[in-house]
Amino acid sequence: SLRVVKVLEYEGKGLNLCWETCDGIHGHSGPHQPQTLEGQVVRIADRIAYINHDIDDALRAGILSESDLPAAPCDVLGHTSNARITTLVNDVIASSVGRDHISLSPKIEEAMLELRRFMFAQVYESDTAKGEEPKAKDLVKTLFAWYLDHSDRVPAEYRNIAGTTPVQAAVDFVAGMTDRYALRRYEQLFLPHSWQL
């Protein structure tokens, strides 16, 4: 993400971002904690959003039913997406007022982490999801190899930024693809086209 905003954006000039914004991007996930309150708010808000949206997606897709959700964290956070989000947001506010950092209370944070562990076990790392993982890795590797071999097909903006390094140009281009775009490019490059009648 930092490479995107510091190097790739604005036709290779990068964006003129302050260190606070860059620190927030760097600390969005992973071990680095953002040093600003704004960065900490974004980090925790994203976790609140993604776990609840992923539960909603899993329920809509039929991967989970309401009765599958663990009772203990739902009893603490709420039994609907709106209730969980409201509980989490209100707790962040109450736990952070007058403090020099943004946090959840221990009880609410543990309930959220328990729900997150459940999602990893039942959805993110389930046999269904893991069964698709090799396909996704192969798709990315195949696209990368193709664009490395056909560096003239990498958009000029990526080639210009990478200079004489075709590997970096291919990495930047493939890494910036959305899931849908990558699937569409793979289909266009490697699957037979329907006969035109």
C-alpha atoms as a PDB file:
ATOM      1  CA  SER A   1       0.000   0.000   0.000  1.00  0.00           C
ATOM      2  CA  LEU A   2       2.832   2.401   0.797  1.00  0.00           C
ATOM      3  CA  ARG A   3       4.438   1.675  -2.571  1.00  0.00           C
ATOM      4  CA  VAL A   4       1.152   2.533  -4.261  1.00  0.00           C
ATOM      5  CA  VAL A   5       0.799   5.939  -2.586  1.00  0.00           C
ATOM      6  CA  LYS A   6       4.487   6.860  -2.485  1.00  0.00           C
ATOM      7  CA  VAL A   7       5.595   5.569  -5.889  1.00  0.00           C
ATOM      8  CA  LEU A   8       2.818   4.390  -8.209  1.00  0.00           C
ATOM      9  CA  GLU A   9       0.148   7.070  -7.823  1.00  0.00           C
ATOM     10  CA  TYR A  10       0.132  10.294  -9.812  1.00  0.00           C
ATOM     11  CA  GLU A  11       1.885   8.720 -12.803  1.00  0.00           C
ATOM     12  CA  GLY A  12       4.901   7.598 -10.785  1.00  0.00           C
ATOM     13  CA  LYS A  13       5.384  10.761  -8.787  1.00  0.00           C
ATOM     14  CA  GLY A  14       3.543   9.459  -5.739  1.00  0.00           C
ATOM     15  CA  LEU A  15       1.228  11.445  -3.544  1.00  0.00           C
ATOM     16  CA  ASN A  16       2.428  14.263  -1.319  1.00  0.00           C
ATOM     17  CA  LEU A  17       1.346  12.623   1.947  1.00  0.00           C
ATOM     18  CA  CYS A  18       2.420  13.608   5.444  1.00  0.00           C
ATOM     19  CA  TRP A  19       4.209  11.070   7.625  1.00  0.00           C
ATOM     20  CA  GLU A  20       1.069  10.650   9.778  1.00  0.00           C
ATOM     21  CA  THR A  21      -0.917   9.386   6.797  1.00  0.00           C
ATOM     22  CA  CYS A  22       1.912   7.080   5.706  1.00  0.00           C
ATOM     23  CA  ASP A  23       2.237   5.788   9.268  1.00  0.00           C
ATOM     24  CA  GLY A  24      -1.511   5.088   9.339  1.00  0.00           C
ATOM     25  CA  ILE A  25      -1.282   3.143   6.091  1.00  0.00           C
ATOM     26  CA  HIS A  26       1.739   1.212   7.392  1.00  0.00           C
ATOM     27  CA  GLY A  27      -0.108   0.404  10.626  1.00  0.00           C
ATOM     28  CA  HIS A  28      -3.443  -0.475   9.055  1.00  0.00           C
ATOM     29  CA  SER A  29      -2.745  -4.140   9.763  1.00  0.00           C
ATOM     30  CA  GLY A  30       0.141  -6.222  11.035  1.00  0.00           C
ATOM     31  CA  PRO A  31       2.346  -5.582  14.051  1.00  0.00           C
ATOM     32  CA  HIS A  32       3.029  -1.877  13.503  1.00  0.00           C
ATOM     33  CA  GLN A  33       0.682   0.270  15.601  1.00  0.00           C
ATOM     34  CA  PRO A  34      -0.155   3.676  14.136  1.00  0.00           C
ATOM     35  CA  GLN A  35       1.272   6.540  16.173  1.00  0.00           C
ATOM     36  CA  THR A  36      -1.667   8.898  15.603  1.00  0.00           C
ATOM     37  CA  LEU A  37      -5.158   8.608  17.034  1.00  0.00           C
ATOM     38  CA  GLU A  38      -6.578   8.913  13.506  1.00  0.00           C
ATOM     39  CA  GLY A  39      -4.518   5.939  12.341  1.00  0.00           C
ATOM     40  CA  GLN A  40      -5.618   3.927  15.366  1.00  0.00           C
ATOM     41  CA  VAL A  41      -9.280   4.758  14.676  1.00  0.00           C
ATOM     42  CA  VAL A  42      -8.950   3.534  11.079  1.00  0.00           C
ATOM     43  CA  ARG A  43      -7.208   0.325  12.181  1.00  0.00           C
ATOM     44  CA  ILE A  44      -9.907  -0.609  14.694  1.00  0.00           C
ATOM     45  CA  ALA A  45     -12.820   0.591  12.545  1.00  0.00           C
ATOM     46  CA  ASP A  46     -11.646  -1.632   9.695  1.00  0.00           C
ATOM     47  CA  ARG A  47     -11.532  -4.662  11.985  1.00  0.00           C
ATOM     48  CA  ILE A  48     -15.034  -3.929  13.246  1.00  0.00           C
ATOM     49  CA  ALA A  49     -16.312  -3.538   9.687  1.00  0.00           C
ATOM     50  CA  TYR A  50     -14.642  -6.538   8.086  1.00  0.00           C
ATOM     51  CA  ILE A  51     -15.626  -9.099  10.708  1.00  0.00           C
ATOM     52  CA  ASN A  52     -19.267  -8.022  10.581  1.00  0.00           C
ATOM     53  CA  HIS A  53     -19.385  -7.778   6.793  1.00  0.00           C
ATOM     54  CA  ASP A  54     -17.707 -11.172   6.482  1.00  0.00           C
ATOM     55  CA  ILE A  55     -20.310 -12.695   8.818  1.00  0.00           C
ATOM     56  CA  ASP A  56     -23.083 -11.137   6.708  1.00  0.00           C
ATOM     57  CA  ASP A  57     -21.455 -12.432   3.503  1.00  0.00           C
ATOM     58  CA  ALA A  58     -21.076 -15.945   4.956  1.00  0.00           C
ATOM     59  CA  LEU A  59     -24.728 -15.948   6.070  1.00  0.00           C
ATOM     60  CA  ARG A  60     -25.921 -14.754   2.637  1.00  0.00           C
ATOM     61  CA  ALA A  61     -23.767 -17.349   0.877  1.00  0.00           C
ATOM     62  CA  GLY A  62     -25.131 -20.152   3.057  1.00  0.00           C
ATOM     63  CA  ILE A  63     -21.683 -20.951   4.448  1.00  0.00           C
ATOM     64  CA  LEU A  64     -23.004 -20.182   7.948  1.00  0.00           C
ATOM     65  CA  SER A  65     -26.425 -19.953   9.546  1.00  0.00           C
ATOM     66  CA  GLU A  66     -27.316 -17.706  12.485  1.00  0.00           C
ATOM     67  CA  SER A  67     -27.327 -20.762  14.771  1.00  0.00           C
ATOM     68  CA  ASP A  68     -23.689 -21.516  13.822  1.00  0.00           C
ATOM     69  CA  LEU A  69     -22.416 -18.283  15.355  1.00  0.00           C
ATOM     70  CA  PRO A  70     -20.890 -18.823  18.799  1.00  0.00           C
ATOM     71  CA  ALA A  71     -23.306 -17.804  21.541  1.00  0.00           C
ATOM     72  CA  ALA A  72     -20.846 -16.347  24.064  1.00  0.00           C
ATOM     73  CA  PRO A  73     -19.416 -13.500  21.928  1.00  0.00           C
ATOM     74  CA  CYS A  74     -22.818 -12.820  20.350  1.00  0.00           C
ATOM     75  CA  ASP A  75     -24.377 -12.531  23.809  1.00  0.00           C
ATOM     76  CA  VAL A  76     -21.796  -9.826  24.563  1.00  0.00           C
ATOM     77  CA  LEU A  77     -21.726  -8.033  21.198  1.00  0.00           C
ATOM     78  CA  GLY A  78     -25.217  -8.642  19.836  1.00  0.00           C
ATOM     79  CA  HIS A  79     -27.007 -11.130  17.631  1.00  0.00           C
ATOM     80  CA  THR A  80     -27.302  -8.952  14.529  1.00  0.00           C
ATOM     81  CA  SER A  81     -24.736  -7.068  12.495  1.00  0.00           C
ATOM     82  CA  ASN A  82     -26.217  -3.701  13.500  1.00  0.00           C
ATOM     83  CA  ALA A  83     -26.212  -4.649  17.189  1.00  0.00           C
ATOM     84  CA  ARG A  84     -22.579  -5.843  17.047  1.00  0.00           C
ATOM     85  CA  ILE A  85     -21.392  -2.718  15.247  1.00  0.00           C
ATOM     86  CA  THR A  86     -23.270  -0.469  17.672  1.00  0.00           C
ATOM     87  CA  THR A  87     -21.791  -2.283  20.685  1.00  0.00           C
ATOM     88  CA  LEU A  88     -18.260  -2.142  19.288  1.00  0.00           C
ATOM     89  CA  VAL A  89     -18.402   1.508  18.242  1.00  0.00           C
ATOM     90  CA  ASN A  90     -19.932   2.628  21.534  1.00  0.00           C
ATOM     91  CA  ASP A  91     -17.303   0.656  23.441  1.00  0.00           C
ATOM     92  CA  VAL A  92     -14.425   2.193  21.445  1.00  0.00           C
ATOM     93  CA  ILE A  93     -15.753   5.653  22.248  1.00  0.00           C
ATOM     94  CA  ALA A  94     -16.284   4.905  25.957  1.00  0.00           C
ATOM     95  CA  SER A  95     -12.905   3.164  26.298  1.00  0.00           C
ATOM     96  CA  SER A  96     -10.939   5.875  24.489  1.00  0.00           C
ATOM     97  CA  VAL A  97     -12.354   9.136  25.872  1.00  0.00           C
ATOM     98  CA  GLY A  98      -9.605  11.129  27.587  1.00  0.00           C
ATOM     99  CA  ARG A  99      -6.901   8.585  26.759  1.00  0.00           C
ATOM    100  CA  ASP A 100      -3.860   8.866  24.528  1.00  0.00           C
ATOM    101  CA  HIS A 101      -4.777   5.791  22.463  1.00  0.00           C
ATOM    102  CA  ILE A 102      -7.822   4.167  20.857  1.00  0.00           C
ATOM    103  CA  SER A 103      -8.934   0.814  22.229  1.00  0.00           C
ATOM    104  CA  LEU A 104     -11.783  -1.504  23.118  1.00  0.00           C
ATOM    105  CA  SER A 105     -12.514  -2.570  26.678  1.00  0.00           C
ATOM    106  CA  PRO A 106     -11.019  -5.989  27.545  1.00  0.00           C
ATOM    107  CA  LYS A 107     -14.422  -7.750  27.674  1.00  0.00           C
ATOM    108  CA  ILE A 108     -15.592  -6.416  24.313  1.00  0.00           C
ATOM    109  CA  GLU A 109     -12.209  -6.929  22.651  1.00  0.00           C
ATOM    110  CA  GLU A 110     -12.117 -10.559  23.816  1.00  0.00           C
ATOM    111  CA  ALA A 111     -15.629 -11.139  22.447  1.00  0.00           C
ATOM    112  CA  MET A 112     -14.591  -9.660  19.092  1.00  0.00           C
ATOM    113  CA  LEU A 113     -11.416 -11.772  19.030  1.00  0.00           C
ATOM    114  CA  GLU A 114     -13.439 -14.892  19.826  1.00  0.00           C
ATOM    115  CA  LEU A 115     -15.745 -14.114  16.916  1.00  0.00           C
ATOM    116  CA  ARG A 116     -12.689 -13.520  14.720  1.00  0.00           C
ATOM    117  CA  ARG A 117     -11.178 -16.888  15.743  1.00  0.00           C
ATOM    118  CA  PHE A 118     -14.494 -18.536  14.898  1.00  0.00           C
ATOM    119  CA  MET A 119     -14.483 -16.920  11.447  1.00  0.00           C
ATOM    120  CA  PHE A 120     -10.933 -18.095  10.778  1.00  0.00           C
ATOM    121  CA  ALA A 121     -11.781 -21.656  11.767  1.00  0.00           C
ATOM    122  CA  GLN A 122     -15.167 -21.874  10.041  1.00  0.00           C
ATOM    123  CA  VAL A 123     -14.837 -19.575   7.039  1.00  0.00           C
ATOM    124  CA  TYR A 124     -11.374 -18.172   6.177  1.00  0.00           C
ATOM    125  CA  GLU A 125      -9.462 -21.419   6.781  1.00  0.00           C
ATOM    126  CA  SER A 126     -12.281 -23.869   6.141  1.00  0.00           C
ATOM    127  CA  ASP A 127     -11.788 -26.793   3.783  1.00  0.00           C
ATOM    128  CA  THR A 128     -13.846 -24.934   1.166  1.00  0.00           C
ATOM    129  CA  ALA A 129     -11.728 -21.784   1.374  1.00  0.00           C
ATOM    130  CA  LYS A 130      -8.443 -23.690   1.575  1.00  0.00           C
ATOM    131  CA  GLY A 131      -9.511 -25.768  -1.425  1.00  0.00           C
ATOM    132  CA  GLU A 132      -9.712 -22.586  -3.492  1.00  0.00           C
ATOM    133  CA  GLU A 133      -6.391 -21.155  -2.255  1.00  0.00           C
ATOM    134  CA  PRO A 134      -4.105 -23.147  -4.622  1.00  0.00           C
ATOM    135  CA  LYS A 135      -6.243 -22.029  -7.566  1.00  0.00           C
ATOM    136  CA  ALA A 136      -5.914 -18.373  -6.539  1.00  0.00           C
ATOM    137  CA  LYS A 137      -2.142 -18.688  -6.085  1.00  0.00           C
ATOM    138  CA  ASP A 138      -1.779 -20.388  -9.468  1.00  0.00           C
ATOM    139  CA  LEU A 139      -3.859 -17.677 -11.120  1.00  0.00           C
ATOM    140  CA  VAL A 140      -1.632 -14.897  -9.715  1.00  0.00           C
ATOM    141  CA  LYS A 141       1.579 -16.792 -10.564  1.00  0.00           C
ATOM    142  CA  THR A 142       0.340 -17.462 -14.101  1.00  0.00           C
ATOM    143  CA  LEU A 143      -0.620 -13.836 -14.697  1.00  0.00           C
ATOM    144  CA  PHE A 144       2.717 -12.631 -13.307  1.00  0.00           C
ATOM    145  CA  ALA A 145       4.698 -15.055 -15.490  1.00  0.00           C
ATOM    146  CA  TRP A 146       2.720 -14.064 -18.576  1.00  0.00           C
ATOM    147  CA  TYR A 147       3.235 -10.325 -18.006  1.00  0.00           C
ATOM    148  CA  LEU A 148       6.911 -10.904 -17.284  1.00  0.00           C
ATOM    149  CA  ASP A 149       7.244 -12.748 -20.596  1.00  0.00           C
ATOM    150  CA  HIS A 150       5.128 -10.118 -22.383  1.00  0.00           C
ATOM    151  CA  SER A 151       6.424  -7.002 -20.672  1.00  0.00           C
ATOM    152  CA  ASP A 152       5.251  -4.871 -23.591  1.00  0.00           C
ATOM    153  CA  ARG A 153       1.664  -5.729 -22.540  1.00  0.00           C
ATOM    154  CA  VAL A 154       2.154  -4.244 -19.063  1.00  0.00           C
ATOM    155  CA  PRO A 155       0.561  -0.773 -19.176  1.00  0.00           C
ATOM    156  CA  ALA A 156       3.095   1.946 -19.986  1.00  0.00           C
ATOM    157  CA  GLU A 157       2.583   3.749 -16.672  1.00  0.00           C
ATOM    158  CA  TYR A 158       3.923   0.701 -14.777  1.00  0.00           C
ATOM    159  CA  ARG A 159       6.805   0.184 -17.223  1.00  0.00           C
ATOM    160  CA  ASN A 160       7.790   3.857 -16.964  1.00  0.00           C
ATOM    161  CA  ILE A 161       7.804   3.774 -13.164  1.00  0.00           C
ATOM    162  CA  ALA A 162       9.791   0.526 -13.010  1.00  0.00           C
ATOM    163  CA  GLY A 163      12.310   1.744 -15.577  1.00  0.00           C
ATOM    164  CA  THR A 164      14.549  -1.101 -16.706  1.00  0.00           C
ATOM    165  CA  THR A 165      13.097  -3.577 -14.207  1.00  0.00           C
ATOM    166  CA  PRO A 166      10.398  -5.628 -15.968  1.00  0.00           C
ATOM    167  CA  VAL A 167       9.951  -7.778 -12.855  1.00  0.00           C
ATOM    168  CA  GLN A 168       8.882  -4.746 -10.799  1.00  0.00           C
ATOM    169  CA  ALA A 169       6.546  -3.562 -13.546  1.00  0.00           C
ATOM    170  CA  ALA A 170       4.836  -6.982 -13.661  1.00  0.00           C
ATOM    171  CA  VAL A 171       4.660  -7.140  -9.849  1.00  0.00           C
ATOM    172  CA  ASP A 172       3.135  -3.670  -9.584  1.00  0.00           C
ATOM    173  CA  PHE A 173       0.571  -4.331 -12.304  1.00  0.00           C
ATOM    174  CA  VAL A 174      -0.566  -7.757 -11.073  1.00  0.00           C
ATOM    175  CA  ALA A 175      -0.531  -6.688  -7.407  1.00  0.00           C
ATOM    176  CA  GLY A 176      -2.840  -3.792  -8.249  1.00  0.00           C
ATOM    177  CA  MET A 177      -5.471  -5.985  -9.896  1.00  0.00           C
ATOM    178  CA  THR A 178      -8.806  -6.472  -8.182  1.00  0.00           C
ATOM    179  CA  ASP A 179     -10.049 -10.057  -7.883  1.00  0.00           C
ATOM    180  CA  ARG A 180     -12.593  -9.537 -10.656  1.00  0.00           C
ATOM    181  CA  TYR A 181     -10.103  -7.892 -12.984  1.00  0.00           C
ATOM    182  CA  ALA A 182      -7.539 -10.677 -12.424  1.00  0.00           C
ATOM    183  CA  LEU A 183     -10.155 -13.333 -13.171  1.00  0.00           C
ATOM    184  CA  ARG A 184     -11.243 -11.462 -16.310  1.00  0.00           C
ATOM    185  CA  ARG A 185      -7.641 -11.088 -17.551  1.00  0.00           C
ATOM    186  CA  TYR A 186      -6.936 -14.767 -16.853  1.00  0.00           C
ATOM    187  CA  GLU A 187     -10.040 -15.758 -18.788  1.00  0.00           C
ATOM    188  CA  GLN A 188      -9.093 -13.491 -21.708  1.00  0.00           C
ATOM    189  CA  LEU A 189      -5.508 -14.727 -21.827  1.00  0.00           C
ATOM    190  CA  PHE A 190      -5.841 -18.450 -21.110  1.00  0.00           C
ATOM    191  CA  LEU A 191      -9.347 -19.725 -21.773  1.00  0.00           C
ATOM    192  CA  PRO A 192     -10.639 -20.425 -25.306  1.00  0.00           C
ATOM    193  CA  HIS A 193     -12.992 -17.795 -26.617  1.00  0.00           C
ATOM    194  CA  SER A 194     -16.478 -18.825 -27.754  1.00  0.00           C
ATOM    195  CA  TRP A 195     -16.911 -19.282 -31.468  1.00  0.00           C
ATOM    196  CA  GLN A 196     -18.323 -16.224 -33.177  1.00  0.00           C
ATOM    197  CA  LEU A 197     -21.355 -17.193 -35.261  1.00  0.00           C
END
